[in-house]
Amino acid sequence: MEITKDSIIGDILDTDSTTAPYFIEMGMHCLGCPSARGETLEQACMVHGVDVNELVAKLNAHIQGK
């Protein structure tokens, strides 16, 4: 799976639950919440003041490094 800014958070977590700490690190503590799981990375980053491109790069590096 390649992650983009349009990737849905729930899909990312379903594919690789070890990505959860990256979301918690950015202040997104409600990962089980249906509305949070339905957001795109871009939407979540906008709300939490995180650079979406930086998070996309971190997540892809994490997934590819497994």
PDB file of N, CA and C in Angstrom:
ATOM      1  N   MET A   1       0.847  -1.187   0.000  1.00  0.00           N
ATOM      2  CA  MET A   1       0.000   0.000   0.000  1.00  0.00           C
ATOM      3  C   MET A   1       0.882   1.236   0.000  1.00  0.00           C
ATOM      4  N   GLU A   2       0.640   2.130  -0.942  1.00  0.00           N
ATOM      5  CA  GLU A   2       1.329   3.421  -0.920  1.00  0.00           C
ATOM      6  C   GLU A   2       0.368   4.452  -0.355  1.00  0.00           C
ATOM      7  N   ILE A   3       0.838   5.177   0.623  1.00  0.00           N
ATOM      8  CA  ILE A   3       0.013   6.180   1.292  1.00  0.00           C
ATOM      9  C   ILE A   3       0.178   7.515   0.593  1.00  0.00           C
ATOM     10  N   THR A   4      -0.958   8.201   0.411  1.00  0.00           N
ATOM     11  CA  THR A   4      -0.969   9.553  -0.147  1.00  0.00           C
ATOM     12  C   THR A   4      -1.759  10.449   0.795  1.00  0.00           C
ATOM     13  N   LYS A   5      -1.799  11.722   0.490  1.00  0.00           N
ATOM     14  CA  LYS A   5      -2.562  12.644   1.334  1.00  0.00           C
ATOM     15  C   LYS A   5      -4.059  12.353   1.278  1.00  0.00           C
ATOM     16  N   ASP A   6      -4.495  11.612   0.260  1.00  0.00           N
ATOM     17  CA  ASP A   6      -5.905  11.264   0.105  1.00  0.00           C
ATOM     18  C   ASP A   6      -6.253   9.908   0.724  1.00  0.00           C
ATOM     19  N   SER A   7      -5.270   9.231   1.302  1.00  0.00           N
ATOM     20  CA  SER A   7      -5.527   7.941   1.941  1.00  0.00           C
ATOM     21  C   SER A   7      -6.424   8.130   3.158  1.00  0.00           C
ATOM     22  N   ILE A   8      -7.313   7.180   3.358  1.00  0.00           N
ATOM     23  CA  ILE A   8      -8.239   7.218   4.492  1.00  0.00           C
ATOM     24  C   ILE A   8      -7.541   6.596   5.709  1.00  0.00           C
ATOM     25  N   ILE A   9      -7.625   7.276   6.838  1.00  0.00           N
ATOM     26  CA  ILE A   9      -6.927   6.837   8.041  1.00  0.00           C
ATOM     27  C   ILE A   9      -7.335   5.419   8.435  1.00  0.00           C
ATOM     28  N   GLY A  10      -8.607   5.105   8.388  1.00  0.00           N
ATOM     29  CA  GLY A  10      -9.057   3.759   8.732  1.00  0.00           C
ATOM     30  C   GLY A  10      -8.441   2.701   7.842  1.00  0.00           C
ATOM     31  N   ASP A  11      -8.287   3.001   6.558  1.00  0.00           N
ATOM     32  CA  ASP A  11      -7.672   2.048   5.631  1.00  0.00           C
ATOM     33  C   ASP A  11      -6.203   1.819   5.980  1.00  0.00           C
ATOM     34  N   ILE A  12      -5.519   2.891   6.344  1.00  0.00           N
ATOM     35  CA  ILE A  12      -4.106   2.782   6.729  1.00  0.00           C
ATOM     36  C   ILE A  12      -3.977   1.901   7.968  1.00  0.00           C
ATOM     37  N   LEU A  13      -4.806   2.179   8.974  1.00  0.00           N
ATOM     38  CA  LEU A  13      -4.750   1.412  10.219  1.00  0.00           C
ATOM     39  C   LEU A  13      -5.147  -0.045  10.013  1.00  0.00           C
ATOM     40  N   ASP A  14      -6.111  -0.295   9.131  1.00  0.00           N
ATOM     41  CA  ASP A  14      -6.514  -1.674   8.847  1.00  0.00           C
ATOM     42  C   ASP A  14      -5.400  -2.446   8.139  1.00  0.00           C
ATOM     43  N   THR A  15      -4.662  -1.759   7.291  1.00  0.00           N
ATOM     44  CA  THR A  15      -3.562  -2.384   6.558  1.00  0.00           C
ATOM     45  C   THR A  15      -2.363  -2.625   7.463  1.00  0.00           C
ATOM     46  N   ASP A  16      -2.076  -1.656   8.344  1.00  0.00           N
ATOM     47  CA  ASP A  16      -0.903  -1.775   9.216  1.00  0.00           C
ATOM     48  C   ASP A  16      -1.171  -1.041  10.528  1.00  0.00           C
ATOM     49  N   SER A  17      -1.585  -1.793  11.519  1.00  0.00           N
ATOM     50  CA  SER A  17      -1.926  -1.173  12.813  1.00  0.00           C
ATOM     51  C   SER A  17      -0.715  -0.587  13.527  1.00  0.00           C
ATOM     52  N   THR A  18       0.495  -0.942  13.089  1.00  0.00           N
ATOM     53  CA  THR A  18       1.686  -0.378  13.731  1.00  0.00           C
ATOM     54  C   THR A  18       1.921   1.078  13.340  1.00  0.00           C
ATOM     55  N   THR A  19       1.068   1.624  12.472  1.00  0.00           N
ATOM     56  CA  THR A  19       1.164   3.042  12.122  1.00  0.00           C
ATOM     57  C   THR A  19       0.464   3.928  13.158  1.00  0.00           C
ATOM     58  N   ALA A  20      -0.297   3.328  14.068  1.00  0.00           N
ATOM     59  CA  ALA A  20      -1.064   4.093  15.060  1.00  0.00           C
ATOM     60  C   ALA A  20      -0.225   5.121  15.826  1.00  0.00           C
ATOM     61  N   PRO A  21       0.992   4.811  16.257  1.00  0.00           N
ATOM     62  CA  PRO A  21       1.774   5.805  17.001  1.00  0.00           C
ATOM     63  C   PRO A  21       2.016   7.108  16.234  1.00  0.00           C
ATOM     64  N   TYR A  22       2.065   7.043  14.917  1.00  0.00           N
ATOM     65  CA  TYR A  22       2.264   8.256  14.124  1.00  0.00           C
ATOM     66  C   TYR A  22       1.055   9.190  14.246  1.00  0.00           C
ATOM     67  N   PHE A  23      -0.121   8.613  14.342  1.00  0.00           N
ATOM     68  CA  PHE A  23      -1.328   9.412  14.497  1.00  0.00           C
ATOM     69  C   PHE A  23      -1.438   9.954  15.919  1.00  0.00           C
ATOM     70  N   ILE A  24      -1.099   9.129  16.879  1.00  0.00           N
ATOM     71  CA  ILE A  24      -1.133   9.568  18.278  1.00  0.00           C
ATOM     72  C   ILE A  24      -0.113  10.685  18.494  1.00  0.00           C
ATOM     73  N   GLU A  25       1.055  10.556  17.884  1.00  0.00           N
ATOM     74  CA  GLU A  25       2.110  11.564  17.989  1.00  0.00           C
ATOM     75  C   GLU A  25       1.638  12.933  17.489  1.00  0.00           C
ATOM     76  N   MET A  26       0.775  12.946  16.476  1.00  0.00           N
ATOM     77  CA  MET A  26       0.299  14.219  15.935  1.00  0.00           C
ATOM     78  C   MET A  26      -0.896  14.772  16.703  1.00  0.00           C
ATOM     79  N   GLY A  27      -1.302  14.068  17.774  1.00  0.00           N
ATOM     80  CA  GLY A  27      -2.398  14.556  18.609  1.00  0.00           C
ATOM     81  C   GLY A  27      -3.739  13.943  18.300  1.00  0.00           C
ATOM     82  N   MET A  28      -3.747  12.931  17.467  1.00  0.00           N
ATOM     83  CA  MET A  28      -4.989  12.267  17.081  1.00  0.00           C
ATOM     84  C   MET A  28      -5.178  11.044  17.974  1.00  0.00           C
ATOM     85  N   HIS A  29      -5.817  11.236  19.113  1.00  0.00           N
ATOM     86  CA  HIS A  29      -5.921  10.191  20.122  1.00  0.00           C
ATOM     87  C   HIS A  29      -7.198   9.352  19.997  1.00  0.00           C
ATOM     88  N   CYS A  30      -8.086   9.717  19.106  1.00  0.00           N
ATOM     89  CA  CYS A  30      -9.375   9.010  18.993  1.00  0.00           C
ATOM     90  C   CYS A  30      -9.398   8.111  17.754  1.00  0.00           C
ATOM     91  N   LEU A  31      -8.425   7.233  17.634  1.00  0.00           N
ATOM     92  CA  LEU A  31      -8.296   6.411  16.430  1.00  0.00           C
ATOM     93  C   LEU A  31      -9.426   5.415  16.240  1.00  0.00           C
ATOM     94  N   GLY A  32     -10.144   5.095  17.306  1.00  0.00           N
ATOM     95  CA  GLY A  32     -11.270   4.184  17.187  1.00  0.00           C
ATOM     96  C   GLY A  32     -12.563   4.874  16.800  1.00  0.00           C
ATOM     97  N   CYS A  33     -12.569   6.178  16.794  1.00  0.00           N
ATOM     98  CA  CYS A  33     -13.762   6.969  16.487  1.00  0.00           C
ATOM     99  C   CYS A  33     -14.081   6.860  14.990  1.00  0.00           C
ATOM    100  N   PRO A  34     -15.321   6.538  14.637  1.00  0.00           N
ATOM    101  CA  PRO A  34     -15.682   6.398  13.220  1.00  0.00           C
ATOM    102  C   PRO A  34     -15.381   7.644  12.381  1.00  0.00           C
ATOM    103  N   SER A  35     -15.576   8.825  12.939  1.00  0.00           N
ATOM    104  CA  SER A  35     -15.319  10.024  12.138  1.00  0.00           C
ATOM    105  C   SER A  35     -13.824  10.197  11.884  1.00  0.00           C
ATOM    106  N   ALA A  36     -12.989   9.859  12.852  1.00  0.00           N
ATOM    107  CA  ALA A  36     -11.540   9.973  12.667  1.00  0.00           C
ATOM    108  C   ALA A  36     -11.060   8.953  11.643  1.00  0.00           C
ATOM    109  N   ARG A  37     -11.595   7.747  11.705  1.00  0.00           N
ATOM    110  CA  ARG A  37     -11.180   6.692  10.780  1.00  0.00           C
ATOM    111  C   ARG A  37     -11.595   6.997   9.339  1.00  0.00           C
ATOM    112  N   GLY A  38     -12.598   7.846   9.157  1.00  0.00           N
ATOM    113  CA  GLY A  38     -13.081   8.172   7.825  1.00  0.00           C
ATOM    114  C   GLY A  38     -12.415   9.380   7.195  1.00  0.00           C
ATOM    115  N   GLU A  39     -11.549  10.043   7.945  1.00  0.00           N
ATOM    116  CA  GLU A  39     -10.868  11.229   7.409  1.00  0.00           C
ATOM    117  C   GLU A  39      -9.702  10.825   6.517  1.00  0.00           C
ATOM    118  N   THR A  40      -9.392  11.713   5.582  1.00  0.00           N
ATOM    119  CA  THR A  40      -8.161  11.529   4.809  1.00  0.00           C
ATOM    120  C   THR A  40      -7.005  12.052   5.650  1.00  0.00           C
ATOM    121  N   LEU A  41      -5.804  11.675   5.277  1.00  0.00           N
ATOM    122  CA  LEU A  41      -4.630  12.208   5.977  1.00  0.00           C
ATOM    123  C   LEU A  41      -4.600  13.728   5.884  1.00  0.00           C
ATOM    124  N   GLU A  42      -4.929  14.254   4.725  1.00  0.00           N
ATOM    125  CA  GLU A  42      -4.896  15.700   4.533  1.00  0.00           C
ATOM    126  C   GLU A  42      -5.867  16.405   5.481  1.00  0.00           C
ATOM    127  N   GLN A  43      -7.069  15.857   5.628  1.00  0.00           N
ATOM    128  CA  GLN A  43      -8.050  16.461   6.534  1.00  0.00           C
ATOM    129  C   GLN A  43      -7.566  16.431   7.975  1.00  0.00           C
ATOM    130  N   ALA A  44      -7.051  15.295   8.407  1.00  0.00           N
ATOM    131  CA  ALA A  44      -6.578  15.164   9.786  1.00  0.00           C
ATOM    132  C   ALA A  44      -5.396  16.083  10.056  1.00  0.00           C
ATOM    133  N   CYS A  45      -4.493  16.167   9.108  1.00  0.00           N
ATOM    134  CA  CYS A  45      -3.321  17.031   9.288  1.00  0.00           C
ATOM    135  C   CYS A  45      -3.718  18.495   9.364  1.00  0.00           C
ATOM    136  N   MET A  46      -4.701  18.879   8.575  1.00  0.00           N
ATOM    137  CA  MET A  46      -5.166  20.260   8.591  1.00  0.00           C
ATOM    138  C   MET A  46      -5.724  20.608   9.974  1.00  0.00           C
ATOM    139  N   VAL A  47      -6.517  19.714  10.539  1.00  0.00           N
ATOM    140  CA  VAL A  47      -7.137  19.945  11.843  1.00  0.00           C
ATOM    141  C   VAL A  47      -6.086  19.987  12.950  1.00  0.00           C
ATOM    142  N   HIS A  48      -5.064  19.136  12.836  1.00  0.00           N
ATOM    143  CA  HIS A  48      -4.075  19.008  13.903  1.00  0.00           C
ATOM    144  C   HIS A  48      -2.807  19.820  13.660  1.00  0.00           C
ATOM    145  N   GLY A  49      -2.771  20.591  12.584  1.00  0.00           N
ATOM    146  CA  GLY A  49      -1.620  21.465  12.326  1.00  0.00           C
ATOM    147  C   GLY A  49      -0.339  20.711  11.996  1.00  0.00           C
ATOM    148  N   VAL A  50      -0.476  19.621  11.250  1.00  0.00           N
ATOM    149  CA  VAL A  50       0.666  18.788  10.892  1.00  0.00           C
ATOM    150  C   VAL A  50       0.902  18.894   9.389  1.00  0.00           C
ATOM    151  N   ASP A  51       2.158  18.880   8.980  1.00  0.00           N
ATOM    152  CA  ASP A  51       2.516  18.915   7.562  1.00  0.00           C
ATOM    153  C   ASP A  51       2.176  17.552   6.945  1.00  0.00           C
ATOM    154  N   VAL A  52       1.202  17.526   6.046  1.00  0.00           N
ATOM    155  CA  VAL A  52       0.729  16.273   5.463  1.00  0.00           C
ATOM    156  C   VAL A  52       1.827  15.563   4.679  1.00  0.00           C
ATOM    157  N   ASN A  53       2.659  16.315   3.979  1.00  0.00           N
ATOM    158  CA  ASN A  53       3.719  15.685   3.187  1.00  0.00           C
ATOM    159  C   ASN A  53       4.747  14.993   4.080  1.00  0.00           C
ATOM    160  N   GLU A  54       5.030  15.591   5.211  1.00  0.00           N
ATOM    161  CA  GLU A  54       5.959  14.992   6.163  1.00  0.00           C
ATOM    162  C   GLU A  54       5.385  13.689   6.734  1.00  0.00           C
ATOM    163  N   LEU A  55       4.096  13.708   7.085  1.00  0.00           N
ATOM    164  CA  LEU A  55       3.465  12.511   7.631  1.00  0.00           C
ATOM    165  C   LEU A  55       3.376  11.411   6.581  1.00  0.00           C
ATOM    166  N   VAL A  56       3.036  11.761   5.358  1.00  0.00           N
ATOM    167  CA  VAL A  56       2.977  10.771   4.270  1.00  0.00           C
ATOM    168  C   VAL A  56       4.346  10.109   4.110  1.00  0.00           C
ATOM    169  N   ALA A  57       5.401  10.903   4.121  1.00  0.00           N
ATOM    170  CA  ALA A  57       6.753  10.356   3.970  1.00  0.00           C
ATOM    171  C   ALA A  57       7.106   9.426   5.126  1.00  0.00           C
ATOM    172  N   LYS A  58       6.767   9.814   6.351  1.00  0.00           N
ATOM    173  CA  LYS A  58       7.049   8.974   7.518  1.00  0.00           C
ATOM    174  C   LYS A  58       6.301   7.655   7.435  1.00  0.00           C
ATOM    175  N   LEU A  59       5.012   7.722   7.105  1.00  0.00           N
ATOM    176  CA  LEU A  59       4.199   6.506   7.040  1.00  0.00           C
ATOM    177  C   LEU A  59       4.682   5.561   5.943  1.00  0.00           C
ATOM    178  N   ASN A  60       4.997   6.101   4.774  1.00  0.00           N
ATOM    179  CA  ASN A  60       5.483   5.249   3.684  1.00  0.00           C
ATOM    180  C   ASN A  60       6.832   4.623   4.039  1.00  0.00           C
ATOM    181  N   ALA A  61       7.712   5.380   4.677  1.00  0.00           N
ATOM    182  CA  ALA A  61       9.007   4.842   5.096  1.00  0.00           C
ATOM    183  C   ALA A  61       8.815   3.727   6.117  1.00  0.00           C
ATOM    184  N   HIS A  62       7.880   3.928   7.037  1.00  0.00           N
ATOM    185  CA  HIS A  62       7.592   2.916   8.061  1.00  0.00           C
ATOM    186  C   HIS A  62       7.076   1.622   7.414  1.00  0.00           C
ATOM    187  N   ILE A  63       6.132   1.753   6.523  1.00  0.00           N
ATOM    188  CA  ILE A  63       5.528   0.587   5.880  1.00  0.00           C
ATOM    189  C   ILE A  63       6.549  -0.146   4.994  1.00  0.00           C
ATOM    190  N   GLN A  64       7.351   0.607   4.271  1.00  0.00           N
ATOM    191  CA  GLN A  64       8.335  -0.013   3.370  1.00  0.00           C
ATOM    192  C   GLN A  64       9.490  -0.640   4.144  1.00  0.00           C
ATOM    193  N   GLY A  65       9.726  -0.151   5.356  1.00  0.00           N
ATOM    194  CA  GLY A  65      10.825  -0.665   6.159  1.00  0.00           C
ATOM    195  C   GLY A  65      10.520  -1.964   6.868  1.00  0.00           C
ATOM    196  N   LYS A  66       9.282  -2.425   6.777  1.00  0.00           N
ATOM    197  CA  LYS A  66       8.898  -3.657   7.474  1.00  0.00           C
ATOM    198  C   LYS A  66       9.387  -4.886   6.752  1.00  0.00           C
TER     199      LYS A  66
END
